[in-house]
Amino acid sequence: MQRIITIIIFVIVFAAGAAFSAINNGPVELNYYLSSITLPISLVVITSIVTGIVLGALAIFIITLGLRYENRRLHKRVAVSEQEINSLRILPIKDAN
């Protein structure tokens, strides 16, 4: 069911993008430091959106790597603590008298 919903959303977004591209095909001049380029406005907007998505995904990926490292470190710490607890449970109780 979720796959069907994903496909429907993809088709709707694709149709909206195609309609946006068909309506907004006027040229826009982008000035860089060294040169300038003329592109359709729809291409500029789509490129900006894709660039934002890629940069956002990269930021999430970097944060996820840090969390995975911390998770692995904490799992090792828990394993050492559990091992210590198990070894203490095995020791016999000695009477002080």
PDB file of N, CA and C in Angstrom:
ATOM      1  N   MET A   1       0.823  -1.194   0.000  1.00  0.00           N
ATOM      2  CA  MET A   1       0.000   0.000   0.000  1.00  0.00           C
ATOM      3  C   MET A   1       0.866   1.256   0.000  1.00  0.00           C
ATOM      4  N   GLN A   2       1.942   1.233   0.791  1.00  0.00           N
ATOM      5  CA  GLN A   2       2.804   2.397   0.866  1.00  0.00           C
ATOM      6  C   GLN A   2       3.512   2.630  -0.469  1.00  0.00           C
ATOM      7  N   ARG A   3       3.840   1.559  -1.165  1.00  0.00           N
ATOM      8  CA  ARG A   3       4.491   1.684  -2.463  1.00  0.00           C
ATOM      9  C   ARG A   3       3.569   2.371  -3.474  1.00  0.00           C
ATOM     10  N   ILE A   4       2.289   2.047  -3.432  1.00  0.00           N
ATOM     11  CA  ILE A   4       1.324   2.668  -4.338  1.00  0.00           C
ATOM     12  C   ILE A   4       1.199   4.152  -4.031  1.00  0.00           C
ATOM     13  N   ILE A   5       1.142   4.502  -2.756  1.00  0.00           N
ATOM     14  CA  ILE A   5       1.053   5.913  -2.365  1.00  0.00           C
ATOM     15  C   ILE A   5       2.304   6.660  -2.814  1.00  0.00           C
ATOM     16  N   THR A   6       3.463   6.045  -2.682  1.00  0.00           N
ATOM     17  CA  THR A   6       4.716   6.672  -3.118  1.00  0.00           C
ATOM     18  C   THR A   6       4.701   6.912  -4.626  1.00  0.00           C
ATOM     19  N   ILE A   7       4.241   5.947  -5.374  1.00  0.00           N
ATOM     20  CA  ILE A   7       4.173   6.099  -6.835  1.00  0.00           C
ATOM     21  C   ILE A   7       3.198   7.206  -7.211  1.00  0.00           C
ATOM     22  N   ILE A   8       2.051   7.268  -6.548  1.00  0.00           N
ATOM     23  CA  ILE A   8       1.072   8.317  -6.837  1.00  0.00           C
ATOM     24  C   ILE A   8       1.652   9.692  -6.532  1.00  0.00           C
ATOM     25  N   ILE A   9       2.327   9.836  -5.401  1.00  0.00           N
ATOM     26  CA  ILE A   9       2.951  11.120  -5.055  1.00  0.00           C
ATOM     27  C   ILE A   9       4.015  11.487  -6.081  1.00  0.00           C
ATOM     28  N   PHE A  10       4.820  10.510  -6.512  1.00  0.00           N
ATOM     29  CA  PHE A  10       5.852  10.765  -7.513  1.00  0.00           C
ATOM     30  C   PHE A  10       5.230  11.246  -8.823  1.00  0.00           C
ATOM     31  N   VAL A  11       4.149  10.620  -9.252  1.00  0.00           N
ATOM     32  CA  VAL A  11       3.484  11.016 -10.503  1.00  0.00           C
ATOM     33  C   VAL A  11       2.924  12.427 -10.377  1.00  0.00           C
ATOM     34  N   ILE A  12       2.327  12.752  -9.240  1.00  0.00           N
ATOM     35  CA  ILE A  12       1.773  14.099  -9.042  1.00  0.00           C
ATOM     36  C   ILE A  12       2.887  15.153  -9.064  1.00  0.00           C
ATOM     37  N   VAL A  13       3.989  14.883  -8.366  1.00  0.00           N
ATOM     38  CA  VAL A  13       5.106  15.835  -8.343  1.00  0.00           C
ATOM     39  C   VAL A  13       5.712  15.972  -9.735  1.00  0.00           C
ATOM     40  N   PHE A  14       5.837  14.861 -10.458  1.00  0.00           N
ATOM     41  CA  PHE A  14       6.379  14.912 -11.812  1.00  0.00           C
ATOM     42  C   PHE A  14       5.476  15.726 -12.738  1.00  0.00           C
ATOM     43  N   ALA A  15       4.166  15.527 -12.635  1.00  0.00           N
ATOM     44  CA  ALA A  15       3.221  16.279 -13.463  1.00  0.00           C
ATOM     45  C   ALA A  15       3.266  17.766 -13.123  1.00  0.00           C
ATOM     46  N   ALA A  16       3.349  18.084 -11.831  1.00  0.00           N
ATOM     47  CA  ALA A  16       3.435  19.492 -11.436  1.00  0.00           C
ATOM     48  C   ALA A  16       4.734  20.106 -11.941  1.00  0.00           C
ATOM     49  N   GLY A  17       5.827  19.361 -11.885  1.00  0.00           N
ATOM     50  CA  GLY A  17       7.103  19.861 -12.401  1.00  0.00           C
ATOM     51  C   GLY A  17       7.080  20.062 -13.900  1.00  0.00           C
ATOM     52  N   ALA A  18       6.442  19.142 -14.624  1.00  0.00           N
ATOM     53  CA  ALA A  18       6.337  19.285 -16.075  1.00  0.00           C
ATOM     54  C   ALA A  18       5.479  20.494 -16.436  1.00  0.00           C
ATOM     55  N   ALA A  19       4.379  20.696 -15.698  1.00  0.00           N
ATOM     56  CA  ALA A  19       3.527  21.865 -15.942  1.00  0.00           C
ATOM     57  C   ALA A  19       4.286  23.157 -15.628  1.00  0.00           C
ATOM     58  N   PHE A  20       5.037  23.171 -14.530  1.00  0.00           N
ATOM     59  CA  PHE A  20       5.841  24.346 -14.162  1.00  0.00           C
ATOM     60  C   PHE A  20       6.866  24.642 -15.245  1.00  0.00           C
ATOM     61  N   SER A  21       7.497  23.606 -15.759  1.00  0.00           N
ATOM     62  CA  SER A  21       8.517  23.769 -16.781  1.00  0.00           C
ATOM     63  C   SER A  21       7.911  24.285 -18.088  1.00  0.00           C
ATOM     64  N   ALA A  22       6.718  23.821 -18.426  1.00  0.00           N
ATOM     65  CA  ALA A  22       6.072  24.255 -19.659  1.00  0.00           C
ATOM     66  C   ALA A  22       5.630  25.715 -19.570  1.00  0.00           C
ATOM     67  N   ILE A  23       5.161  26.131 -18.407  1.00  0.00           N
ATOM     68  CA  ILE A  23       4.675  27.507 -18.252  1.00  0.00           C
ATOM     69  C   ILE A  23       5.835  28.496 -18.134  1.00  0.00           C
ATOM     70  N   ASN A  24       6.877  28.139 -17.397  1.00  0.00           N
ATOM     71  CA  ASN A  24       7.992  29.043 -17.124  1.00  0.00           C
ATOM     72  C   ASN A  24       9.216  28.651 -17.951  1.00  0.00           C
ATOM     73  N   ASN A  25       9.172  28.987 -19.219  1.00  0.00           N
ATOM     74  CA  ASN A  25      10.311  28.662 -20.061  1.00  0.00           C
ATOM     75  C   ASN A  25      11.071  29.904 -20.523  1.00  0.00           C
ATOM     76  N   GLY A  26      10.836  31.010 -19.874  1.00  0.00           N
ATOM     77  CA  GLY A  26      11.536  32.238 -20.210  1.00  0.00           C
ATOM     78  C   GLY A  26      12.995  32.191 -19.783  1.00  0.00           C
ATOM     79  N   PRO A  27      13.867  32.884 -20.517  1.00  0.00           N
ATOM     80  CA  PRO A  27      15.294  32.850 -20.169  1.00  0.00           C
ATOM     81  C   PRO A  27      15.623  33.744 -18.969  1.00  0.00           C
ATOM     82  N   VAL A  28      16.608  33.292 -18.204  1.00  0.00           N
ATOM     83  CA  VAL A  28      17.124  34.041 -17.063  1.00  0.00           C
ATOM     84  C   VAL A  28      18.633  34.052 -17.198  1.00  0.00           C
ATOM     85  N   GLU A  29      19.224  35.209 -16.956  1.00  0.00           N
ATOM     86  CA  GLU A  29      20.678  35.310 -17.043  1.00  0.00           C
ATOM     87  C   GLU A  29      21.278  35.205 -15.647  1.00  0.00           C
ATOM     88  N   LEU A  30      22.177  34.249 -15.473  1.00  0.00           N
ATOM     89  CA  LEU A  30      22.886  34.075 -14.208  1.00  0.00           C
ATOM     90  C   LEU A  30      24.291  34.638 -14.367  1.00  0.00           C
ATOM     91  N   ASN A  31      24.647  35.587 -13.508  1.00  0.00           N
ATOM     92  CA  ASN A  31      25.966  36.214 -13.564  1.00  0.00           C
ATOM     93  C   ASN A  31      26.862  35.605 -12.490  1.00  0.00           C
ATOM     94  N   TYR A  32      27.969  35.019 -12.937  1.00  0.00           N
ATOM     95  CA  TYR A  32      28.987  34.503 -12.041  1.00  0.00           C
ATOM     96  C   TYR A  32      30.116  35.517 -11.975  1.00  0.00           C
ATOM     97  N   TYR A  33      31.109  35.224 -11.175  1.00  0.00           N
ATOM     98  CA  TYR A  33      32.234  36.147 -11.061  1.00  0.00           C
ATOM     99  C   TYR A  33      33.002  36.248 -12.377  1.00  0.00           C
ATOM    100  N   LEU A  34      33.147  35.136 -13.062  1.00  0.00           N
ATOM    101  CA  LEU A  34      33.968  35.120 -14.269  1.00  0.00           C
ATOM    102  C   LEU A  34      33.163  35.185 -15.552  1.00  0.00           C
ATOM    103  N   SER A  35      31.915  34.768 -15.545  1.00  0.00           N
ATOM    104  CA  SER A  35      31.114  34.767 -16.773  1.00  0.00           C
ATOM    105  C   SER A  35      29.637  34.824 -16.419  1.00  0.00           C
ATOM    106  N   SER A  36      28.818  34.737 -17.432  1.00  0.00           N
ATOM    107  CA  SER A  36      27.375  34.673 -17.234  1.00  0.00           C
ATOM    108  C   SER A  36      26.804  33.629 -18.190  1.00  0.00           C
ATOM    109  N   ILE A  37      25.627  33.114 -17.820  1.00  0.00           N
ATOM    110  CA  ILE A  37      24.988  32.079 -18.619  1.00  0.00           C
ATOM    111  C   ILE A  37      23.490  32.339 -18.642  1.00  0.00           C
ATOM    112  N   THR A  38      22.851  32.042 -19.762  1.00  0.00           N
ATOM    113  CA  THR A  38      21.414  32.217 -19.900  1.00  0.00           C
ATOM    114  C   THR A  38      20.752  30.843 -19.924  1.00  0.00           C
ATOM    115  N   LEU A  39      19.826  30.628 -18.989  1.00  0.00           N
ATOM    116  CA  LEU A  39      19.124  29.356 -18.855  1.00  0.00           C
ATOM    117  C   LEU A  39      17.633  29.610 -18.675  1.00  0.00           C
ATOM    118  N   PRO A  40      16.811  28.628 -18.977  1.00  0.00           N
ATOM    119  CA  PRO A  40      15.378  28.771 -18.677  1.00  0.00           C
ATOM    120  C   PRO A  40      15.147  28.821 -17.166  1.00  0.00           C
ATOM    121  N   ILE A  41      14.169  29.593 -16.748  1.00  0.00           N
ATOM    122  CA  ILE A  41      13.920  29.772 -15.322  1.00  0.00           C
ATOM    123  C   ILE A  41      13.537  28.452 -14.643  1.00  0.00           C
ATOM    124  N   SER A  42      12.827  27.598 -15.364  1.00  0.00           N
ATOM    125  CA  SER A  42      12.450  26.313 -14.766  1.00  0.00           C
ATOM    126  C   SER A  42      13.682  25.472 -14.461  1.00  0.00           C
ATOM    127  N   LEU A  43      14.689  25.508 -15.316  1.00  0.00           N
ATOM    128  CA  LEU A  43      15.917  24.761 -15.069  1.00  0.00           C
ATOM    129  C   LEU A  43      16.667  25.316 -13.861  1.00  0.00           C
ATOM    130  N   VAL A  44      16.672  26.626 -13.717  1.00  0.00           N
ATOM    131  CA  VAL A  44      17.337  27.253 -12.572  1.00  0.00           C
ATOM    132  C   VAL A  44      16.634  26.860 -11.264  1.00  0.00           C
ATOM    133  N   VAL A  45      15.310  26.890 -11.266  1.00  0.00           N
ATOM    134  CA  VAL A  45      14.559  26.538 -10.057  1.00  0.00           C
ATOM    135  C   VAL A  45      14.754  25.066  -9.726  1.00  0.00           C
ATOM    136  N   ILE A  46      14.648  24.188 -10.707  1.00  0.00           N
ATOM    137  CA  ILE A  46      14.812  22.753 -10.465  1.00  0.00           C
ATOM    138  C   ILE A  46      16.227  22.450  -9.986  1.00  0.00           C
ATOM    139  N   THR A  47      17.223  23.093 -10.579  1.00  0.00           N
ATOM    140  CA  THR A  47      18.607  22.892 -10.143  1.00  0.00           C
ATOM    141  C   THR A  47      18.801  23.362  -8.706  1.00  0.00           C
ATOM    142  N   SER A  48      18.180  24.473  -8.354  1.00  0.00           N
ATOM    143  CA  SER A  48      18.271  24.972  -6.978  1.00  0.00           C
ATOM    144  C   SER A  48      17.628  23.996  -5.991  1.00  0.00           C
ATOM    145  N   ILE A  49      16.482  23.451  -6.352  1.00  0.00           N
ATOM    146  CA  ILE A  49      15.802  22.494  -5.475  1.00  0.00           C
ATOM    147  C   ILE A  49      16.634  21.238  -5.306  1.00  0.00           C
ATOM    148  N   VAL A  50      17.167  20.709  -6.407  1.00  0.00           N
ATOM    149  CA  VAL A  50      17.980  19.497  -6.336  1.00  0.00           C
ATOM    150  C   VAL A  50      19.244  19.748  -5.514  1.00  0.00           C
ATOM    151  N   THR A  51      19.868  20.906  -5.690  1.00  0.00           N
ATOM    152  CA  THR A  51      21.053  21.245  -4.901  1.00  0.00           C
ATOM    153  C   THR A  51      20.718  21.300  -3.412  1.00  0.00           C
ATOM    154  N   GLY A  52      19.581  21.879  -3.064  1.00  0.00           N
ATOM    155  CA  GLY A  52      19.147  21.925  -1.669  1.00  0.00           C
ATOM    156  C   GLY A  52      18.896  20.543  -1.102  1.00  0.00           C
ATOM    157  N   ILE A  53      18.279  19.680  -1.899  1.00  0.00           N
ATOM    158  CA  ILE A  53      18.020  18.314  -1.437  1.00  0.00           C
ATOM    159  C   ILE A  53      19.328  17.580  -1.200  1.00  0.00           C
ATOM    160  N   VAL A  54      20.277  17.720  -2.123  1.00  0.00           N
ATOM    161  CA  VAL A  54      21.567  17.033  -1.981  1.00  0.00           C
ATOM    162  C   VAL A  54      22.322  17.546  -0.756  1.00  0.00           C
ATOM    163  N   LEU A  55      22.352  18.859  -0.551  1.00  0.00           N
ATOM    164  CA  LEU A  55      23.046  19.412   0.614  1.00  0.00           C
ATOM    165  C   LEU A  55      22.365  19.000   1.918  1.00  0.00           C
ATOM    166  N   GLY A  56      21.031  18.960   1.934  1.00  0.00           N
ATOM    167  CA  GLY A  56      20.309  18.506   3.114  1.00  0.00           C
ATOM    168  C   GLY A  56      20.579  17.045   3.415  1.00  0.00           C
ATOM    169  N   ALA A  57      20.591  16.218   2.370  1.00  0.00           N
ATOM    170  CA  ALA A  57      20.884  14.791   2.558  1.00  0.00           C
ATOM    171  C   ALA A  57      22.310  14.599   3.060  1.00  0.00           C
ATOM    172  N   LEU A  58      23.236  15.395   2.569  1.00  0.00           N
ATOM    173  CA  LEU A  58      24.626  15.309   3.026  1.00  0.00           C
ATOM    174  C   LEU A  58      24.733  15.685   4.501  1.00  0.00           C
ATOM    175  N   ALA A  59      24.029  16.721   4.909  1.00  0.00           N
ATOM    176  CA  ALA A  59      24.047  17.128   6.320  1.00  0.00           C
ATOM    177  C   ALA A  59      23.456  16.036   7.205  1.00  0.00           C
ATOM    178  N   ILE A  60      22.338  15.446   6.769  1.00  0.00           N
ATOM    179  CA  ILE A  60      21.724  14.364   7.545  1.00  0.00           C
ATOM    180  C   ILE A  60      22.658  13.169   7.616  1.00  0.00           C
ATOM    181  N   PHE A  61      23.352  12.857   6.511  1.00  0.00           N
ATOM    182  CA  PHE A  61      24.276  11.727   6.476  1.00  0.00           C
ATOM    183  C   PHE A  61      25.424  11.941   7.461  1.00  0.00           C
ATOM    184  N   ILE A  62      25.955  13.154   7.514  1.00  0.00           N
ATOM    185  CA  ILE A  62      27.058  13.447   8.431  1.00  0.00           C
ATOM    186  C   ILE A  62      26.597  13.317   9.879  1.00  0.00           C
ATOM    187  N   ILE A  63      25.409  13.827  10.183  1.00  0.00           N
ATOM    188  CA  ILE A  63      24.877  13.712  11.540  1.00  0.00           C
ATOM    189  C   ILE A  63      24.641  12.243  11.891  1.00  0.00           C
ATOM    190  N   THR A  64      24.126  11.475  10.935  1.00  0.00           N
ATOM    191  CA  THR A  64      23.867  10.054  11.165  1.00  0.00           C
ATOM    192  C   THR A  64      25.156   9.291  11.435  1.00  0.00           C
ATOM    193  N   LEU A  65      26.230   9.645  10.737  1.00  0.00           N
ATOM    194  CA  LEU A  65      27.507   8.979  10.991  1.00  0.00           C
ATOM    195  C   LEU A  65      27.970   9.209  12.423  1.00  0.00           C
ATOM    196  N   GLY A  66      27.831  10.422  12.918  1.00  0.00           N
ATOM    197  CA  GLY A  66      28.200  10.715  14.299  1.00  0.00           C
ATOM    198  C   GLY A  66      27.357   9.929  15.287  1.00  0.00           C
ATOM    199  N   LEU A  67      26.059   9.827  15.012  1.00  0.00           N
ATOM    200  CA  LEU A  67      25.183   9.075  15.912  1.00  0.00           C
ATOM    201  C   LEU A  67      25.491   7.581  15.867  1.00  0.00           C
ATOM    202  N   ARG A  68      25.837   7.059  14.695  1.00  0.00           N
ATOM    203  CA  ARG A  68      26.207   5.643  14.601  1.00  0.00           C
ATOM    204  C   ARG A  68      27.477   5.367  15.396  1.00  0.00           C
ATOM    205  N   TYR A  69      28.439   6.268  15.307  1.00  0.00           N
ATOM    206  CA  TYR A  69      29.679   6.104  16.068  1.00  0.00           C
ATOM    207  C   TYR A  69      29.386   6.099  17.561  1.00  0.00           C
ATOM    208  N   GLU A  70      28.573   7.040  18.020  1.00  0.00           N
ATOM    209  CA  GLU A  70      28.229   7.106  19.439  1.00  0.00           C
ATOM    210  C   GLU A  70      27.442   5.873  19.883  1.00  0.00           C
ATOM    211  N   ASN A  71      26.537   5.405  19.038  1.00  0.00           N
ATOM    212  CA  ASN A  71      25.762   4.207  19.345  1.00  0.00           C
ATOM    213  C   ASN A  71      26.667   2.990  19.479  1.00  0.00           C
ATOM    214  N   ARG A  72      27.615   2.839  18.582  1.00  0.00           N
ATOM    215  CA  ARG A  72      28.551   1.716  18.643  1.00  0.00           C
ATOM    216  C   ARG A  72      29.390   1.785  19.918  1.00  0.00           C
ATOM    217  N   ARG A  73      29.840   2.980  20.271  1.00  0.00           N
ATOM    218  CA  ARG A  73      30.639   3.167  21.478  1.00  0.00           C
ATOM    219  C   ARG A  73      29.835   2.816  22.724  1.00  0.00           C
ATOM    220  N   LEU A  74      28.587   3.226  22.777  1.00  0.00           N
ATOM    221  CA  LEU A  74      27.746   2.930  23.929  1.00  0.00           C
ATOM    222  C   LEU A  74      27.405   1.448  24.016  1.00  0.00           C
ATOM    223  N   HIS A  75      27.224   0.780  22.881  1.00  0.00           N
ATOM    224  CA  HIS A  75      26.976  -0.660  22.897  1.00  0.00           C
ATOM    225  C   HIS A  75      28.175  -1.414  23.459  1.00  0.00           C
ATOM    226  N   LYS A  76      29.371  -0.989  23.081  1.00  0.00           N
ATOM    227  CA  LYS A  76      30.577  -1.621  23.631  1.00  0.00           C
ATOM    228  C   LYS A  76      30.665  -1.389  25.132  1.00  0.00           C
ATOM    229  N   ARG A  77      30.311  -0.198  25.564  1.00  0.00           N
ATOM    230  CA  ARG A  77      30.361   0.114  26.989  1.00  0.00           C
ATOM    231  C   ARG A  77      29.366  -0.735  27.782  1.00  0.00           C
ATOM    232  N   VAL A  78      28.165  -0.918  27.218  1.00  0.00           N
ATOM    233  CA  VAL A  78      27.156  -1.757  27.864  1.00  0.00           C
ATOM    234  C   VAL A  78      27.625  -3.206  27.919  1.00  0.00           C
ATOM    235  N   ALA A  79      28.246  -3.689  26.846  1.00  0.00           N
ATOM    236  CA  ALA A  79      28.744  -5.068  26.831  1.00  0.00           C
ATOM    237  C   ALA A  79      29.796  -5.281  27.911  1.00  0.00           C
ATOM    238  N   VAL A  80      30.700  -4.319  28.084  1.00  0.00           N
ATOM    239  CA  VAL A  80      31.726  -4.425  29.125  1.00  0.00           C
ATOM    240  C   VAL A  80      31.075  -4.405  30.503  1.00  0.00           C
ATOM    241  N   SER A  81      30.091  -3.550  30.697  1.00  0.00           N
ATOM    242  CA  SER A  81      29.406  -3.471  31.990  1.00  0.00           C
ATOM    243  C   SER A  81      28.646  -4.756  32.288  1.00  0.00           C
ATOM    244  N   GLU A  82      27.979  -5.320  31.290  1.00  0.00           N
ATOM    245  CA  GLU A  82      27.260  -6.579  31.494  1.00  0.00           C
ATOM    246  C   GLU A  82      28.227  -7.713  31.812  1.00  0.00           C
ATOM    247  N   GLN A  83      29.366  -7.718  31.149  1.00  0.00           N
ATOM    248  CA  GLN A  83      30.363  -8.744  31.425  1.00  0.00           C
ATOM    249  C   GLN A  83      30.876  -8.619  32.866  1.00  0.00           C
ATOM    250  N   GLU A  84      31.098  -7.402  33.308  1.00  0.00           N
ATOM    251  CA  GLU A  84      31.563  -7.176  34.680  1.00  0.00           C
ATOM    252  C   GLU A  84      30.502  -7.615  35.688  1.00  0.00           C
ATOM    253  N   ILE A  85      29.240  -7.306  35.425  1.00  0.00           N
ATOM    254  CA  ILE A  85      28.153  -7.714  36.325  1.00  0.00           C
ATOM    255  C   ILE A  85      28.061  -9.231  36.387  1.00  0.00           C
ATOM    256  N   ASN A  86      28.150  -9.891  35.242  1.00  0.00           N
ATOM    257  CA  ASN A  86      28.089 -11.358  35.220  1.00  0.00           C
ATOM    258  C   ASN A  86      29.258 -11.980  35.972  1.00  0.00           C
ATOM    259  N   SER A  87      30.435 -11.409  35.835  1.00  0.00           N
ATOM    260  CA  SER A  87      31.585 -11.955  36.560  1.00  0.00           C
ATOM    261  C   SER A  87      31.447 -11.730  38.066  1.00  0.00           C
ATOM    262  N   LEU A  88      30.823 -10.626  38.472  1.00  0.00           N
ATOM    263  CA  LEU A  88      30.608 -10.376  39.904  1.00  0.00           C
ATOM    264  C   LEU A  88      29.537 -11.310  40.463  1.00  0.00           C
ATOM    265  N   ARG A  89      28.587 -11.720  39.666  1.00  0.00           N
ATOM    266  CA  ARG A  89      27.535 -12.628  40.135  1.00  0.00           C
ATOM    267  C   ARG A  89      28.116 -14.033  40.380  1.00  0.00           C
ATOM    268  N   ILE A  90      29.132 -14.389  39.684  1.00  0.00           N
ATOM    269  CA  ILE A  90      29.710 -15.728  39.807  1.00  0.00           C
ATOM    270  C   ILE A  90      30.564 -15.850  41.079  1.00  0.00           C
ATOM    271  N   LEU A  91      31.150 -14.756  41.520  1.00  0.00           N
ATOM    272  CA  LEU A  91      32.015 -14.804  42.709  1.00  0.00           C
ATOM    273  C   LEU A  91      31.239 -15.242  43.935  1.00  0.00           C
ATOM    274  N   PRO A  92      31.833 -16.109  44.758  1.00  0.00           N
ATOM    275  CA  PRO A  92      31.142 -16.533  45.998  1.00  0.00           C
ATOM    276  C   PRO A  92      31.183 -15.405  47.027  1.00  0.00           C
ATOM    277  N   ILE A  93      30.186 -15.417  47.898  1.00  0.00           N
ATOM    278  CA  ILE A  93      30.109 -14.429  48.968  1.00  0.00           C
ATOM    279  C   ILE A  93      30.998 -14.913  50.111  1.00  0.00           C
ATOM    280  N   LYS A  94      31.912 -14.056  50.558  1.00  0.00           N
ATOM    281  CA  LYS A  94      32.818 -14.416  51.644  1.00  0.00           C
ATOM    282  C   LYS A  94      32.330 -13.750  52.928  1.00  0.00           C
ATOM    283  N   ASP A  95      32.340 -14.534  54.009  1.00  0.00           N
ATOM    284  CA  ASP A  95      31.923 -14.018  55.295  1.00  0.00           C
ATOM    285  C   ASP A  95      33.115 -13.349  55.965  1.00  0.00           C
ATOM    286  N   ALA A  96      32.925 -12.202  56.557  1.00  0.00           N
ATOM    287  CA  ALA A  96      34.000 -11.466  57.199  1.00  0.00           C
ATOM    288  C   ALA A  96      34.403 -12.099  58.524  1.00  0.00           C
ATOM    289  N   ASN A  97      33.599 -12.929  59.135  1.00  0.00           N
ATOM    290  CA  ASN A  97      33.916 -13.547  60.436  1.00  0.00           C
ATOM    291  C   ASN A  97      34.765 -14.727  60.266  1.00  0.00           C
TER     292      ASN A  97
END
